[in-house]
Amino acid sequence: QRKNPFSSDDRLAAKPAHTHRGDPTYGRPPEGSRTEQRGKDAHSHVGKEVEELCLIIRRTGKVGEDGHVSVTFGQLFETYVTISNKVVGILLRARKHGLVHFEGEMLWQGKDDDVVITLL
């Protein structure tokens, strides 16, 4: 429609044709769009869930000799699953941001119940 001489849609004319990998807007929704707002809202929601997970670890865990609070995955799963069914996903996000540490790439209920999760 951008190249159509009979198109009178001004929204199309205002948008850039294509972005390339070096462009800072590549892979991002247009500024001010509803898509951008939904992304910001989702990011904020996940951040709150990570924060809540850390509070639960602090509340249910035990302080070790190093001063860090630790809890087993099984204990955390039993506590947190009543709040959210995304325990592992939120744990992975918290580890990505350097808030918790645990061994392994993924945690599985039952198999990894004895894995220690440490709040950093």
N, C-alpha and C. Protein backbone atom coordinates (compact mmCIF):
# COMPACT_ATOMS: atom_id res chain seq x y z
N GLN A 1 0.81 -1.20 0.00
CA GLN A 1 0.00 0.00 0.00
C GLN A 1 0.86 1.26 0.00
N ARG A 2 2.09 1.15 0.55
CA ARG A 2 2.97 2.30 0.61
C ARG A 2 3.31 2.80 -0.80
N LYS A 3 3.43 1.88 -1.73
CA LYS A 3 3.80 2.24 -3.11
C LYS A 3 2.59 2.49 -3.99
N ASN A 4 1.39 2.24 -3.49
CA ASN A 4 0.17 2.40 -4.27
C ASN A 4 -0.16 3.89 -4.40
N PRO A 5 -0.15 4.45 -5.62
CA PRO A 5 -0.43 5.89 -5.78
C PRO A 5 -1.87 6.25 -5.45
N PHE A 6 -2.77 5.27 -5.39
CA PHE A 6 -4.18 5.54 -5.12
C PHE A 6 -4.52 5.40 -3.63
N SER A 7 -3.54 4.99 -2.83
CA SER A 7 -3.77 4.82 -1.40
C SER A 7 -3.71 6.17 -0.71
N SER A 8 -4.68 6.42 0.13
CA SER A 8 -4.71 7.69 0.87
C SER A 8 -4.50 7.46 2.37
N ASP A 9 -3.95 6.32 2.72
CA ASP A 9 -3.74 5.99 4.12
C ASP A 9 -2.46 6.68 4.61
N ASP A 10 -2.60 7.74 5.40
CA ASP A 10 -1.45 8.52 5.88
C ASP A 10 -0.61 7.75 6.89
N ARG A 11 -1.20 6.77 7.58
CA ARG A 11 -0.43 5.99 8.56
C ARG A 11 0.71 5.23 7.88
N LEU A 12 0.47 4.74 6.67
CA LEU A 12 1.50 4.00 5.96
C LEU A 12 2.64 4.90 5.52
N ALA A 13 2.33 6.10 5.14
CA ALA A 13 3.37 7.02 4.67
C ALA A 13 4.29 7.45 5.80
N ALA A 14 3.77 7.47 7.03
CA ALA A 14 4.57 7.92 8.17
C ALA A 14 5.54 6.86 8.67
N LYS A 15 5.29 5.59 8.34
CA LYS A 15 6.14 4.51 8.82
C LYS A 15 7.35 4.34 7.92
N PRO A 16 8.50 4.03 8.50
CA PRO A 16 9.65 3.72 7.66
C PRO A 16 9.41 2.42 6.91
N ALA A 17 10.01 2.29 5.73
CA ALA A 17 9.79 1.11 4.89
C ALA A 17 10.26 -0.16 5.58
N HIS A 18 11.54 -0.24 5.94
CA HIS A 18 12.09 -1.42 6.59
C HIS A 18 13.22 -1.00 7.51
N THR A 19 13.42 -1.76 8.56
CA THR A 19 14.57 -1.52 9.41
C THR A 19 15.55 -2.66 9.21
N HIS A 20 16.80 -2.40 9.48
CA HIS A 20 17.84 -3.41 9.31
C HIS A 20 18.50 -3.68 10.65
N ARG A 21 19.25 -4.76 10.73
CA ARG A 21 19.81 -5.20 12.01
C ARG A 21 20.60 -4.15 12.76
N GLY A 22 21.30 -3.29 12.10
CA GLY A 22 22.08 -2.27 12.78
C GLY A 22 21.24 -1.14 13.35
N ASP A 23 20.03 -1.02 12.88
CA ASP A 23 19.12 0.05 13.30
C ASP A 23 18.66 -0.19 14.74
N PRO A 24 18.71 0.83 15.61
CA PRO A 24 18.29 0.64 17.01
C PRO A 24 16.80 0.29 17.16
N THR A 25 15.98 0.56 16.16
CA THR A 25 14.56 0.23 16.24
C THR A 25 14.24 -1.14 15.66
N TYR A 26 15.27 -1.86 15.20
CA TYR A 26 15.06 -3.18 14.61
C TYR A 26 14.49 -4.15 15.64
N GLY A 27 13.41 -4.82 15.29
CA GLY A 27 12.81 -5.81 16.18
C GLY A 27 12.02 -5.21 17.32
N ARG A 28 11.74 -3.94 17.27
CA ARG A 28 10.99 -3.26 18.34
C ARG A 28 9.71 -2.67 17.76
N PRO A 29 8.66 -2.64 18.57
CA PRO A 29 7.42 -2.02 18.08
C PRO A 29 7.59 -0.51 17.98
N PRO A 30 6.79 0.13 17.17
CA PRO A 30 6.87 1.60 17.05
C PRO A 30 6.63 2.28 18.40
N GLU A 31 7.36 3.36 18.63
CA GLU A 31 7.19 4.10 19.89
C GLU A 31 5.77 4.62 20.02
N GLY A 32 5.24 4.48 21.22
CA GLY A 32 3.90 4.98 21.50
C GLY A 32 2.78 4.04 21.07
N SER A 33 3.11 2.91 20.47
CA SER A 33 2.08 1.99 20.01
C SER A 33 1.52 1.17 21.17
N ARG A 34 0.38 0.56 20.94
CA ARG A 34 -0.21 -0.29 21.97
C ARG A 34 0.65 -1.54 22.18
N THR A 35 1.30 -2.00 21.13
CA THR A 35 2.19 -3.15 21.25
C THR A 35 3.34 -2.84 22.19
N GLU A 36 3.92 -1.65 22.05
CA GLU A 36 5.00 -1.25 22.95
C GLU A 36 4.50 -1.20 24.39
N GLN A 37 3.31 -0.68 24.60
CA GLN A 37 2.75 -0.58 25.95
C GLN A 37 2.50 -1.96 26.55
N ARG A 38 1.99 -2.89 25.74
CA ARG A 38 1.76 -4.25 26.23
C ARG A 38 3.08 -4.89 26.64
N GLY A 39 4.13 -4.67 25.88
CA GLY A 39 5.46 -5.20 26.22
C GLY A 39 5.97 -4.63 27.54
N LYS A 40 5.80 -3.33 27.73
CA LYS A 40 6.22 -2.69 28.98
C LYS A 40 5.43 -3.23 30.17
N ASP A 41 4.12 -3.43 29.96
CA ASP A 41 3.27 -3.96 31.04
C ASP A 41 3.69 -5.38 31.41
N ALA A 42 3.98 -6.21 30.40
CA ALA A 42 4.41 -7.59 30.65
C ALA A 42 5.74 -7.61 31.39
N HIS A 43 6.66 -6.76 30.99
CA HIS A 43 7.97 -6.68 31.65
C HIS A 43 7.81 -6.29 33.12
N SER A 44 6.94 -5.35 33.38
CA SER A 44 6.68 -4.91 34.75
C SER A 44 6.05 -6.04 35.57
N HIS A 45 5.11 -6.77 34.97
CA HIS A 45 4.44 -7.87 35.68
C HIS A 45 5.44 -8.96 36.05
N VAL A 46 6.30 -9.34 35.12
CA VAL A 46 7.30 -10.38 35.40
C VAL A 46 8.26 -9.90 36.48
N GLY A 47 8.64 -8.63 36.44
CA GLY A 47 9.52 -8.07 37.47
C GLY A 47 8.91 -8.18 38.85
N LYS A 48 7.61 -7.94 38.94
CA LYS A 48 6.93 -8.06 40.23
C LYS A 48 6.90 -9.52 40.70
N GLU A 49 6.71 -10.45 39.76
CA GLU A 49 6.71 -11.87 40.13
C GLU A 49 8.08 -12.31 40.62
N VAL A 50 9.15 -11.83 39.99
CA VAL A 50 10.51 -12.15 40.43
C VAL A 50 10.74 -11.60 41.83
N GLU A 51 10.30 -10.39 42.06
CA GLU A 51 10.44 -9.77 43.38
C GLU A 51 9.68 -10.57 44.44
N GLU A 52 8.48 -11.01 44.11
CA GLU A 52 7.68 -11.80 45.05
C GLU A 52 8.34 -13.15 45.33
N LEU A 53 8.92 -13.77 44.30
CA LEU A 53 9.63 -15.03 44.49
C LEU A 53 10.80 -14.86 45.45
N CYS A 54 11.56 -13.78 45.29
CA CYS A 54 12.69 -13.52 46.18
C CYS A 54 12.23 -13.32 47.62
N LEU A 55 11.10 -12.65 47.81
CA LEU A 55 10.56 -12.47 49.16
C LEU A 55 10.15 -13.80 49.78
N ILE A 56 9.59 -14.69 48.97
CA ILE A 56 9.18 -16.00 49.48
C ILE A 56 10.40 -16.83 49.84
N ILE A 57 11.45 -16.76 49.02
CA ILE A 57 12.70 -17.47 49.34
C ILE A 57 13.24 -16.95 50.66
N ARG A 58 13.24 -15.64 50.85
CA ARG A 58 13.75 -15.04 52.08
C ARG A 58 12.92 -15.49 53.28
N ARG A 59 11.60 -15.59 53.08
CA ARG A 59 10.71 -15.96 54.17
C ARG A 59 10.78 -17.44 54.53
N THR A 60 10.90 -18.32 53.52
CA THR A 60 10.86 -19.76 53.79
C THR A 60 12.23 -20.40 53.94
N GLY A 61 13.27 -19.72 53.47
CA GLY A 61 14.60 -20.32 53.51
C GLY A 61 15.30 -20.14 54.84
N LYS A 62 16.51 -20.69 54.88
CA LYS A 62 17.34 -20.59 56.08
C LYS A 62 18.64 -19.88 55.71
N VAL A 63 19.13 -19.08 56.65
CA VAL A 63 20.38 -18.35 56.43
C VAL A 63 21.54 -19.31 56.64
N GLY A 64 22.44 -19.39 55.64
CA GLY A 64 23.59 -20.27 55.73
C GLY A 64 24.78 -19.59 56.37
N GLU A 65 25.89 -20.33 56.44
CA GLU A 65 27.11 -19.78 57.04
C GLU A 65 27.65 -18.59 56.27
N ASP A 66 27.38 -18.56 54.96
CA ASP A 66 27.86 -17.46 54.13
C ASP A 66 26.97 -16.22 54.20
N GLY A 67 25.87 -16.32 54.93
CA GLY A 67 24.96 -15.19 55.08
C GLY A 67 23.86 -15.14 54.04
N HIS A 68 23.89 -16.04 53.06
CA HIS A 68 22.86 -16.09 52.02
C HIS A 68 21.72 -17.00 52.46
N VAL A 69 20.51 -16.65 52.06
CA VAL A 69 19.33 -17.45 52.36
C VAL A 69 19.19 -18.52 51.29
N SER A 70 18.96 -19.76 51.71
CA SER A 70 18.82 -20.87 50.77
C SER A 70 17.57 -21.67 51.09
N VAL A 71 17.01 -22.29 50.05
CA VAL A 71 15.83 -23.13 50.18
C VAL A 71 15.94 -24.22 49.11
N THR A 72 15.36 -25.38 49.38
CA THR A 72 15.37 -26.42 48.35
C THR A 72 14.26 -26.14 47.34
N PHE A 73 14.45 -26.65 46.13
CA PHE A 73 13.45 -26.45 45.08
C PHE A 73 12.12 -27.07 45.48
N GLY A 74 12.14 -28.24 46.09
CA GLY A 74 10.90 -28.90 46.50
C GLY A 74 10.10 -28.05 47.47
N GLN A 75 10.79 -27.49 48.46
CA GLN A 75 10.11 -26.64 49.45
C GLN A 75 9.58 -25.37 48.79
N LEU A 76 10.38 -24.76 47.93
CA LEU A 76 9.95 -23.55 47.24
C LEU A 76 8.78 -23.85 46.32
N PHE A 77 8.84 -24.97 45.61
CA PHE A 77 7.76 -25.33 44.70
C PHE A 77 6.45 -25.48 45.45
N GLU A 78 6.47 -26.18 46.57
CA GLU A 78 5.24 -26.40 47.35
C GLU A 78 4.67 -25.08 47.86
N THR A 79 5.54 -24.16 48.23
CA THR A 79 5.08 -22.86 48.74
C THR A 79 4.58 -21.96 47.62
N TYR A 80 5.35 -21.88 46.54
CA TYR A 80 5.08 -20.89 45.50
C TYR A 80 4.02 -21.33 44.51
N VAL A 81 3.83 -22.64 44.32
CA VAL A 81 2.88 -23.11 43.31
C VAL A 81 1.45 -22.68 43.63
N THR A 82 1.15 -22.42 44.90
CA THR A 82 -0.18 -21.92 45.25
C THR A 82 -0.37 -20.47 44.82
N ILE A 83 0.74 -19.76 44.60
CA ILE A 83 0.69 -18.37 44.16
C ILE A 83 0.71 -18.27 42.64
N SER A 84 1.61 -19.04 42.02
CA SER A 84 1.75 -18.98 40.57
C SER A 84 2.22 -20.34 40.05
N ASN A 85 1.78 -20.70 38.86
CA ASN A 85 2.19 -21.97 38.28
C ASN A 85 3.44 -21.82 37.40
N LYS A 86 4.08 -20.67 37.46
CA LYS A 86 5.25 -20.39 36.63
C LYS A 86 6.53 -20.37 37.46
N VAL A 87 6.64 -21.25 38.43
CA VAL A 87 7.76 -21.24 39.38
C VAL A 87 9.10 -21.31 38.64
N VAL A 88 9.25 -22.29 37.77
CA VAL A 88 10.54 -22.51 37.10
C VAL A 88 10.88 -21.33 36.18
N GLY A 89 9.92 -20.85 35.44
CA GLY A 89 10.17 -19.71 34.55
C GLY A 89 10.60 -18.47 35.31
N ILE A 90 9.97 -18.21 36.42
CA ILE A 90 10.33 -17.05 37.23
C ILE A 90 11.71 -17.25 37.86
N LEU A 91 12.02 -18.49 38.27
CA LEU A 91 13.35 -18.79 38.81
C LEU A 91 14.43 -18.55 37.75
N LEU A 92 14.17 -18.98 36.53
CA LEU A 92 15.14 -18.77 35.45
C LEU A 92 15.35 -17.29 35.18
N ARG A 93 14.29 -16.52 35.22
CA ARG A 93 14.40 -15.07 35.02
C ARG A 93 15.19 -14.43 36.16
N ALA A 94 14.93 -14.87 37.39
CA ALA A 94 15.65 -14.34 38.55
C ALA A 94 17.14 -14.68 38.45
N ARG A 95 17.46 -15.89 37.98
CA ARG A 95 18.87 -16.26 37.82
C ARG A 95 19.52 -15.42 36.71
N LYS A 96 18.80 -15.18 35.65
CA LYS A 96 19.32 -14.36 34.54
C LYS A 96 19.71 -12.96 35.04
N HIS A 97 18.95 -12.44 35.99
CA HIS A 97 19.23 -11.11 36.54
C HIS A 97 20.17 -11.14 37.74
N GLY A 98 20.70 -12.33 38.06
CA GLY A 98 21.68 -12.43 39.14
C GLY A 98 21.11 -12.36 40.54
N LEU A 99 19.84 -12.70 40.69
CA LEU A 99 19.21 -12.63 42.01
C LEU A 99 19.25 -13.94 42.77
N VAL A 100 19.28 -15.06 42.05
CA VAL A 100 19.36 -16.38 42.68
C VAL A 100 20.40 -17.23 41.97
N HIS A 101 20.82 -18.31 42.64
CA HIS A 101 21.75 -19.26 42.04
C HIS A 101 21.27 -20.67 42.36
N PHE A 102 21.35 -21.54 41.35
CA PHE A 102 21.11 -22.97 41.54
C PHE A 102 21.84 -23.71 40.44
N GLU A 103 22.15 -24.97 40.70
CA GLU A 103 22.88 -25.80 39.75
C GLU A 103 21.92 -26.35 38.69
N GLY A 104 22.43 -26.49 37.48
CA GLY A 104 21.65 -27.07 36.40
C GLY A 104 20.99 -26.02 35.54
N GLU A 105 20.58 -26.48 34.37
CA GLU A 105 19.92 -25.58 33.41
C GLU A 105 18.43 -25.42 33.72
N MET A 106 17.79 -26.53 34.12
CA MET A 106 16.35 -26.55 34.32
C MET A 106 16.06 -27.32 35.60
N LEU A 107 14.96 -27.00 36.24
CA LEU A 107 14.54 -27.71 37.44
C LEU A 107 13.23 -28.44 37.16
N TRP A 108 13.16 -29.70 37.59
CA TRP A 108 11.98 -30.52 37.36
C TRP A 108 11.41 -30.95 38.71
N GLN A 109 10.09 -30.84 38.84
CA GLN A 109 9.42 -31.24 40.07
C GLN A 109 9.65 -32.73 40.29
N GLY A 110 9.96 -33.11 41.52
CA GLY A 110 10.22 -34.49 41.86
C GLY A 110 11.69 -34.85 41.70
N LYS A 111 12.21 -34.69 40.50
CA LYS A 111 13.61 -35.05 40.22
C LYS A 111 14.59 -34.10 40.90
N ASP A 112 14.28 -32.82 40.91
CA ASP A 112 15.21 -31.81 41.44
C ASP A 112 14.74 -31.20 42.75
N ASP A 113 13.95 -31.92 43.53
CA ASP A 113 13.41 -31.36 44.77
C ASP A 113 14.51 -31.02 45.79
N ASP A 114 15.67 -31.68 45.70
CA ASP A 114 16.75 -31.43 46.66
C ASP A 114 17.76 -30.39 46.20
N VAL A 115 17.56 -29.81 45.02
CA VAL A 115 18.47 -28.77 44.52
C VAL A 115 18.31 -27.53 45.39
N VAL A 116 19.45 -26.99 45.81
CA VAL A 116 19.43 -25.80 46.68
C VAL A 116 19.41 -24.54 45.83
N ILE A 117 18.49 -23.66 46.16
CA ILE A 117 18.36 -22.35 45.50
C ILE A 117 18.82 -21.32 46.51
N THR A 118 19.81 -20.53 46.11
CA THR A 118 20.39 -19.53 47.01
C THR A 118 20.01 -18.14 46.55
N LEU A 119 19.52 -17.33 47.47
CA LEU A 119 19.18 -15.95 47.17
C LEU A 119 20.44 -15.10 47.27
N LEU A 120 20.79 -14.44 46.19
CA LEU A 120 21.99 -13.62 46.16
C LEU A 120 21.64 -12.20 46.52
